[in-house]
Amino acid sequence: MPALYADEAKADFRLCNDTKSLVGVALGYRNKDVWTTEGWYQIPGETCTSLIEGDLDARYYYLYAEDADQGGQWRGDVFMCTADRQFKIEGVQECFTRGYQKTGFFEVDTANKSSWMVRLTETGQTGSSQ
């Protein structure tokens, strides 16, 4: 499960990898009228990175992450399209027909805050606002 934490240094959507492993992350969001997914962000163990810089435009964002070293996953039941290599995909329908995978993302509710942080831990995910 995602963990949420506040970070008042700057407005953005940050992801912290609190594990010791390299984690690959895919991000889903609504861009105007189109659902968009993009990845793979490679986040080394025990580091944080901004996936979106600046004030957040939406309340909900979606994440899927894979532990490259241990093989674990952080996932949910909101299905969006992903690809094996770096990608930016518009639309979440007919993933297989379009040559993509259908992947379960977990929802992050930012409560309409301008900034949000998600922490991936060995036992799940957590999140917080600014």
N, C-alpha and C. Protein backbone atom coordinates (compact mmCIF):
# COMPACT_ATOMS: atom_id res chain seq x y z
N MET A 1 0.83 -1.18 0.00
CA MET A 1 0.00 0.00 0.00
C MET A 1 0.87 1.24 0.00
N PRO A 2 0.44 2.34 -0.66
CA PRO A 2 1.24 3.55 -0.72
C PRO A 2 1.28 4.28 0.61
N ALA A 3 2.42 4.83 0.92
CA ALA A 3 2.54 5.65 2.12
C ALA A 3 2.64 7.11 1.70
N LEU A 4 2.02 7.98 2.43
CA LEU A 4 1.97 9.38 2.06
C LEU A 4 2.68 10.22 3.11
N TYR A 5 3.56 11.11 2.64
CA TYR A 5 4.30 11.98 3.56
C TYR A 5 4.39 13.38 2.99
N ALA A 6 4.45 14.36 3.86
CA ALA A 6 4.56 15.75 3.41
C ALA A 6 6.01 16.13 3.17
N ASP A 7 6.20 16.99 2.20
CA ASP A 7 7.52 17.51 1.89
C ASP A 7 7.34 18.97 1.48
N GLU A 8 7.72 19.89 2.36
CA GLU A 8 7.44 21.29 2.11
C GLU A 8 8.55 22.02 1.37
N ALA A 9 9.57 21.35 0.95
CA ALA A 9 10.68 22.00 0.27
C ALA A 9 10.25 22.60 -1.06
N LYS A 10 9.44 21.88 -1.84
CA LYS A 10 8.96 22.40 -3.11
C LYS A 10 7.71 21.65 -3.52
N ALA A 11 6.93 22.26 -4.40
CA ALA A 11 5.69 21.63 -4.86
C ALA A 11 6.02 20.65 -5.97
N ASP A 12 5.70 19.39 -5.75
CA ASP A 12 5.91 18.36 -6.76
C ASP A 12 5.30 17.05 -6.30
N PHE A 13 5.40 16.04 -7.14
CA PHE A 13 4.97 14.68 -6.80
C PHE A 13 6.25 13.86 -6.70
N ARG A 14 6.62 13.51 -5.47
CA ARG A 14 7.88 12.81 -5.23
C ARG A 14 7.62 11.36 -4.88
N LEU A 15 8.56 10.53 -5.27
CA LEU A 15 8.52 9.13 -4.90
C LEU A 15 9.84 8.79 -4.22
N CYS A 16 9.75 8.22 -3.03
CA CYS A 16 10.94 7.78 -2.30
C CYS A 16 10.96 6.26 -2.26
N ASN A 17 12.08 5.72 -2.62
CA ASN A 17 12.29 4.28 -2.57
C ASN A 17 13.04 3.99 -1.28
N ASP A 18 12.31 3.56 -0.25
CA ASP A 18 12.92 3.28 1.05
C ASP A 18 13.46 1.86 1.15
N THR A 19 13.48 1.13 0.05
CA THR A 19 14.07 -0.21 0.05
C THR A 19 15.54 -0.09 -0.32
N LYS A 20 16.24 -1.19 -0.28
CA LYS A 20 17.64 -1.20 -0.69
C LYS A 20 17.79 -1.56 -2.17
N SER A 21 16.69 -1.90 -2.83
CA SER A 21 16.70 -2.36 -4.21
C SER A 21 16.40 -1.25 -5.21
N LEU A 22 16.84 -1.46 -6.45
CA LEU A 22 16.44 -0.61 -7.56
C LEU A 22 14.98 -0.90 -7.87
N VAL A 23 14.18 0.15 -8.06
CA VAL A 23 12.76 -0.02 -8.34
C VAL A 23 12.42 0.70 -9.65
N GLY A 24 11.67 0.02 -10.52
CA GLY A 24 11.15 0.62 -11.74
C GLY A 24 9.72 1.07 -11.49
N VAL A 25 9.41 2.32 -11.86
CA VAL A 25 8.11 2.91 -11.54
C VAL A 25 7.42 3.40 -12.81
N ALA A 26 6.11 3.13 -12.88
CA ALA A 26 5.25 3.68 -13.93
C ALA A 26 4.23 4.59 -13.27
N LEU A 27 3.93 5.70 -13.92
CA LEU A 27 3.02 6.72 -13.39
C LEU A 27 1.83 6.87 -14.33
N GLY A 28 0.63 6.95 -13.77
CA GLY A 28 -0.57 7.19 -14.56
C GLY A 28 -1.27 8.44 -14.07
N TYR A 29 -1.85 9.21 -15.00
CA TYR A 29 -2.54 10.44 -14.64
C TYR A 29 -3.46 10.86 -15.79
N ARG A 30 -4.37 11.74 -15.49
CA ARG A 30 -5.27 12.28 -16.51
C ARG A 30 -4.68 13.59 -17.00
N ASN A 31 -4.40 13.65 -18.30
CA ASN A 31 -3.83 14.82 -18.94
C ASN A 31 -4.92 15.44 -19.82
N LYS A 32 -5.56 16.48 -19.32
CA LYS A 32 -6.74 17.07 -19.97
C LYS A 32 -7.80 15.99 -20.09
N ASP A 33 -8.14 15.56 -21.29
CA ASP A 33 -9.20 14.56 -21.46
C ASP A 33 -8.66 13.16 -21.72
N VAL A 34 -7.35 12.97 -21.61
CA VAL A 34 -6.75 11.69 -21.97
C VAL A 34 -5.98 11.11 -20.79
N TRP A 35 -6.23 9.83 -20.50
CA TRP A 35 -5.42 9.13 -19.50
C TRP A 35 -4.07 8.83 -20.12
N THR A 36 -3.01 9.07 -19.36
CA THR A 36 -1.65 8.88 -19.83
C THR A 36 -0.88 8.05 -18.82
N THR A 37 -0.07 7.13 -19.32
CA THR A 37 0.87 6.40 -18.46
C THR A 37 2.27 6.60 -19.02
N GLU A 38 3.25 6.65 -18.13
CA GLU A 38 4.63 6.77 -18.57
C GLU A 38 5.56 6.08 -17.59
N GLY A 39 6.65 5.61 -18.11
CA GLY A 39 7.65 4.91 -17.31
C GLY A 39 8.80 4.51 -18.21
N TRP A 40 9.72 3.88 -17.83
CA TRP A 40 9.99 3.46 -16.47
C TRP A 40 10.95 4.42 -15.82
N TYR A 41 10.57 4.92 -14.66
CA TYR A 41 11.48 5.70 -13.84
C TYR A 41 12.30 4.70 -13.03
N GLN A 42 13.60 4.80 -13.09
CA GLN A 42 14.48 3.91 -12.34
C GLN A 42 14.91 4.64 -11.06
N ILE A 43 14.44 4.14 -9.92
CA ILE A 43 14.71 4.79 -8.64
C ILE A 43 15.62 3.89 -7.80
N PRO A 44 16.89 4.28 -7.63
CA PRO A 44 17.79 3.47 -6.80
C PRO A 44 17.30 3.38 -5.36
N GLY A 45 17.75 2.36 -4.66
CA GLY A 45 17.38 2.18 -3.26
C GLY A 45 17.77 3.37 -2.41
N GLU A 46 16.92 3.66 -1.43
CA GLU A 46 17.15 4.70 -0.44
C GLU A 46 17.36 6.08 -1.06
N THR A 47 16.60 6.37 -2.14
CA THR A 47 16.64 7.69 -2.77
C THR A 47 15.22 8.16 -3.07
N CYS A 48 15.10 9.46 -3.32
CA CYS A 48 13.83 10.06 -3.71
C CYS A 48 14.02 10.80 -5.03
N THR A 49 12.94 10.89 -5.81
CA THR A 49 12.98 11.65 -7.05
C THR A 49 11.62 12.27 -7.31
N SER A 50 11.62 13.37 -8.05
CA SER A 50 10.36 14.02 -8.44
C SER A 50 9.88 13.40 -9.74
N LEU A 51 8.67 12.84 -9.73
CA LEU A 51 8.07 12.31 -10.94
C LEU A 51 7.35 13.41 -11.70
N ILE A 52 6.81 14.38 -10.97
CA ILE A 52 6.16 15.56 -11.55
C ILE A 52 6.69 16.76 -10.79
N GLU A 53 7.24 17.74 -11.52
CA GLU A 53 7.75 18.94 -10.87
C GLU A 53 6.72 20.06 -10.95
N GLY A 54 6.62 20.83 -9.90
CA GLY A 54 5.67 21.94 -9.85
C GLY A 54 4.37 21.52 -9.18
N ASP A 55 3.46 22.49 -9.05
CA ASP A 55 2.17 22.23 -8.41
C ASP A 55 1.41 21.12 -9.14
N LEU A 56 0.75 20.29 -8.37
CA LEU A 56 -0.02 19.19 -8.94
C LEU A 56 -1.36 19.71 -9.48
N ASP A 57 -1.74 19.22 -10.65
CA ASP A 57 -2.98 19.65 -11.31
C ASP A 57 -4.17 18.77 -10.98
N ALA A 58 -3.92 17.57 -10.49
CA ALA A 58 -5.00 16.61 -10.28
C ALA A 58 -5.01 16.13 -8.84
N ARG A 59 -6.12 15.56 -8.45
CA ARG A 59 -6.22 14.98 -7.11
C ARG A 59 -5.67 13.56 -7.09
N TYR A 60 -5.93 12.81 -8.16
CA TYR A 60 -5.56 11.39 -8.19
C TYR A 60 -4.43 11.13 -9.18
N TYR A 61 -3.46 10.35 -8.73
CA TYR A 61 -2.38 9.84 -9.57
C TYR A 61 -2.32 8.34 -9.31
N TYR A 62 -1.68 7.63 -10.22
CA TYR A 62 -1.65 6.17 -10.14
C TYR A 62 -0.23 5.69 -10.33
N LEU A 63 0.17 4.71 -9.52
CA LEU A 63 1.53 4.18 -9.56
C LEU A 63 1.54 2.67 -9.63
N TYR A 64 2.55 2.16 -10.31
CA TYR A 64 2.88 0.74 -10.31
C TYR A 64 4.39 0.69 -10.20
N ALA A 65 4.91 -0.20 -9.37
CA ALA A 65 6.36 -0.29 -9.20
C ALA A 65 6.78 -1.75 -9.09
N GLU A 66 7.99 -2.03 -9.59
CA GLU A 66 8.58 -3.37 -9.53
C GLU A 66 9.96 -3.28 -8.90
N ASP A 67 10.23 -4.19 -8.01
CA ASP A 67 11.55 -4.32 -7.40
C ASP A 67 12.44 -5.09 -8.37
N ALA A 68 13.42 -4.41 -8.95
CA ALA A 68 14.28 -5.03 -9.96
C ALA A 68 15.20 -6.09 -9.37
N ASP A 69 15.51 -6.00 -8.08
CA ASP A 69 16.44 -6.94 -7.45
C ASP A 69 15.73 -8.12 -6.78
N GLN A 70 14.64 -7.85 -6.08
CA GLN A 70 13.95 -8.88 -5.30
C GLN A 70 12.73 -9.46 -6.01
N GLY A 71 12.22 -8.76 -7.04
CA GLY A 71 11.09 -9.27 -7.79
C GLY A 71 9.72 -8.92 -7.25
N GLY A 72 9.62 -8.13 -6.19
CA GLY A 72 8.32 -7.75 -5.65
C GLY A 72 7.66 -6.66 -6.47
N GLN A 73 6.39 -6.39 -6.16
CA GLN A 73 5.63 -5.37 -6.87
C GLN A 73 4.78 -4.56 -5.90
N TRP A 74 4.53 -3.32 -6.26
CA TRP A 74 3.54 -2.48 -5.60
C TRP A 74 2.50 -2.22 -6.68
N ARG A 75 1.30 -2.75 -6.49
CA ARG A 75 0.29 -2.67 -7.54
C ARG A 75 -1.09 -2.51 -6.92
N GLY A 76 -2.05 -2.28 -7.79
CA GLY A 76 -3.43 -2.11 -7.33
C GLY A 76 -4.40 -2.64 -8.36
N ASP A 77 -5.63 -2.14 -8.28
CA ASP A 77 -6.68 -2.67 -9.15
C ASP A 77 -7.22 -1.65 -10.15
N VAL A 78 -6.43 -0.62 -10.44
CA VAL A 78 -6.77 0.33 -11.50
C VAL A 78 -5.88 -0.01 -12.69
N PHE A 79 -6.49 -0.54 -13.75
CA PHE A 79 -5.70 -1.07 -14.86
C PHE A 79 -5.43 -0.02 -15.93
N MET A 80 -4.14 0.06 -16.29
CA MET A 80 -3.66 0.99 -17.30
C MET A 80 -2.62 0.27 -18.15
N CYS A 81 -2.23 0.90 -19.26
CA CYS A 81 -1.29 0.28 -20.19
C CYS A 81 0.16 0.59 -19.81
N THR A 82 1.02 -0.41 -19.98
CA THR A 82 2.47 -0.24 -19.82
C THR A 82 3.18 -0.97 -20.96
N ALA A 83 4.47 -0.75 -21.07
CA ALA A 83 5.30 -1.42 -22.07
C ALA A 83 6.56 -1.93 -21.40
N ASP A 84 7.27 -2.82 -22.08
CA ASP A 84 8.49 -3.39 -21.52
C ASP A 84 9.61 -2.37 -21.39
N ARG A 85 9.71 -1.47 -22.33
CA ARG A 85 10.76 -0.46 -22.33
C ARG A 85 10.15 0.91 -22.02
N GLN A 86 11.00 1.92 -21.99
CA GLN A 86 10.53 3.27 -21.69
C GLN A 86 9.31 3.60 -22.56
N PHE A 87 8.29 4.25 -21.96
CA PHE A 87 7.06 4.50 -22.70
C PHE A 87 6.34 5.75 -22.21
N LYS A 88 5.50 6.27 -23.07
CA LYS A 88 4.48 7.26 -22.74
C LYS A 88 3.29 6.88 -23.61
N ILE A 89 2.21 6.45 -22.97
CA ILE A 89 1.06 5.89 -23.67
C ILE A 89 -0.18 6.72 -23.35
N GLU A 90 -0.90 7.11 -24.38
CA GLU A 90 -2.17 7.81 -24.19
C GLU A 90 -3.29 6.79 -24.30
N GLY A 91 -4.21 6.85 -23.35
CA GLY A 91 -5.35 5.94 -23.33
C GLY A 91 -5.09 4.70 -22.51
N VAL A 92 -6.16 4.18 -21.89
CA VAL A 92 -6.03 3.00 -21.04
C VAL A 92 -6.88 1.84 -21.56
N GLN A 93 -7.52 2.02 -22.70
CA GLN A 93 -8.36 0.98 -23.28
C GLN A 93 -7.56 0.12 -24.25
N GLU A 94 -7.98 -1.12 -24.40
CA GLU A 94 -7.44 -2.03 -25.41
C GLU A 94 -5.91 -2.11 -25.37
N CYS A 95 -5.36 -2.25 -24.20
CA CYS A 95 -3.89 -2.31 -24.05
C CYS A 95 -3.30 -3.42 -24.92
N PHE A 96 -3.84 -4.63 -24.81
CA PHE A 96 -3.28 -5.77 -25.54
C PHE A 96 -3.39 -5.56 -27.05
N THR A 97 -4.52 -5.08 -27.52
CA THR A 97 -4.74 -4.84 -28.95
C THR A 97 -3.72 -3.86 -29.50
N ARG A 98 -3.32 -2.91 -28.69
CA ARG A 98 -2.36 -1.89 -29.13
C ARG A 98 -0.91 -2.30 -28.88
N GLY A 99 -0.70 -3.52 -28.42
CA GLY A 99 0.67 -4.02 -28.23
C GLY A 99 1.28 -3.72 -26.88
N TYR A 100 0.46 -3.39 -25.89
CA TYR A 100 0.95 -3.08 -24.55
C TYR A 100 0.48 -4.12 -23.55
N GLN A 101 0.99 -4.03 -22.33
CA GLN A 101 0.51 -4.86 -21.23
C GLN A 101 -0.57 -4.09 -20.46
N LYS A 102 -1.44 -4.83 -19.80
CA LYS A 102 -2.46 -4.25 -18.92
C LYS A 102 -1.97 -4.48 -17.50
N THR A 103 -1.71 -3.39 -16.77
CA THR A 103 -1.05 -3.46 -15.47
C THR A 103 -1.91 -2.80 -14.41
N GLY A 104 -1.96 -3.40 -13.22
CA GLY A 104 -2.73 -2.86 -12.11
C GLY A 104 -1.96 -1.81 -11.32
N PHE A 105 -2.43 -0.59 -11.35
CA PHE A 105 -1.82 0.53 -10.62
C PHE A 105 -2.58 0.76 -9.32
N PHE A 106 -1.90 1.32 -8.32
CA PHE A 106 -2.60 1.73 -7.10
C PHE A 106 -2.85 3.24 -7.15
N GLU A 107 -3.98 3.64 -6.58
CA GLU A 107 -4.39 5.04 -6.60
C GLU A 107 -3.74 5.81 -5.47
N VAL A 108 -3.31 7.03 -5.78
CA VAL A 108 -2.78 7.95 -4.79
C VAL A 108 -3.71 9.16 -4.75
N ASP A 109 -4.36 9.38 -3.63
CA ASP A 109 -5.26 10.51 -3.44
C ASP A 109 -4.48 11.63 -2.77
N THR A 110 -4.20 12.68 -3.52
CA THR A 110 -3.41 13.80 -2.98
C THR A 110 -4.26 14.81 -2.23
N ALA A 111 -5.56 14.58 -2.15
CA ALA A 111 -6.48 15.49 -1.45
C ALA A 111 -6.38 16.92 -2.00
N ASN A 112 -6.06 17.02 -3.29
CA ASN A 112 -5.93 18.32 -3.98
C ASN A 112 -4.82 19.20 -3.41
N LYS A 113 -3.82 18.59 -2.79
CA LYS A 113 -2.66 19.33 -2.31
C LYS A 113 -1.76 19.68 -3.50
N SER A 114 -0.94 20.70 -3.36
CA SER A 114 -0.05 21.10 -4.45
C SER A 114 1.19 20.22 -4.51
N SER A 115 1.44 19.45 -3.45
CA SER A 115 2.63 18.61 -3.36
C SER A 115 2.26 17.31 -2.68
N TRP A 116 2.95 16.22 -3.06
CA TRP A 116 2.68 14.92 -2.44
C TRP A 116 3.92 14.05 -2.53
N MET A 117 4.08 13.20 -1.52
CA MET A 117 5.20 12.25 -1.53
C MET A 117 4.67 10.85 -1.26
N VAL A 118 5.15 9.90 -2.02
CA VAL A 118 4.84 8.48 -1.80
C VAL A 118 6.13 7.78 -1.45
N ARG A 119 6.08 6.92 -0.43
CA ARG A 119 7.24 6.13 -0.02
C ARG A 119 6.96 4.66 -0.28
N LEU A 120 7.85 4.03 -1.03
CA LEU A 120 7.78 2.59 -1.23
C LEU A 120 8.66 1.94 -0.17
N THR A 121 8.07 1.03 0.59
CA THR A 121 8.81 0.34 1.64
C THR A 121 8.77 -1.16 1.38
N GLU A 122 9.51 -1.90 2.17
CA GLU A 122 9.54 -3.35 2.03
C GLU A 122 8.15 -3.95 2.24
N THR A 123 7.32 -3.30 3.04
CA THR A 123 6.02 -3.87 3.37
C THR A 123 4.86 -3.22 2.63
N GLY A 124 5.12 -2.24 1.80
CA GLY A 124 4.03 -1.60 1.07
C GLY A 124 4.37 -0.18 0.70
N GLN A 125 3.34 0.66 0.55
CA GLN A 125 3.53 2.05 0.19
C GLN A 125 2.82 2.92 1.21
N THR A 126 3.33 4.14 1.36
CA THR A 126 2.68 5.12 2.23
C THR A 126 2.74 6.47 1.54
N GLY A 127 1.91 7.43 1.95
CA GLY A 127 1.92 8.72 1.29
C GLY A 127 1.58 9.85 2.24
N SER A 128 1.95 11.09 1.85
CA SER A 128 1.62 12.25 2.66
C SER A 128 1.59 13.50 1.80
N SER A 129 1.01 14.54 2.35
CA SER A 129 0.89 15.80 1.63
C SER A 129 1.81 16.85 2.23
N GLN A 130 1.82 17.98 1.59
CA GLN A 130 2.54 19.15 2.08
C GLN A 130 1.57 20.03 2.79
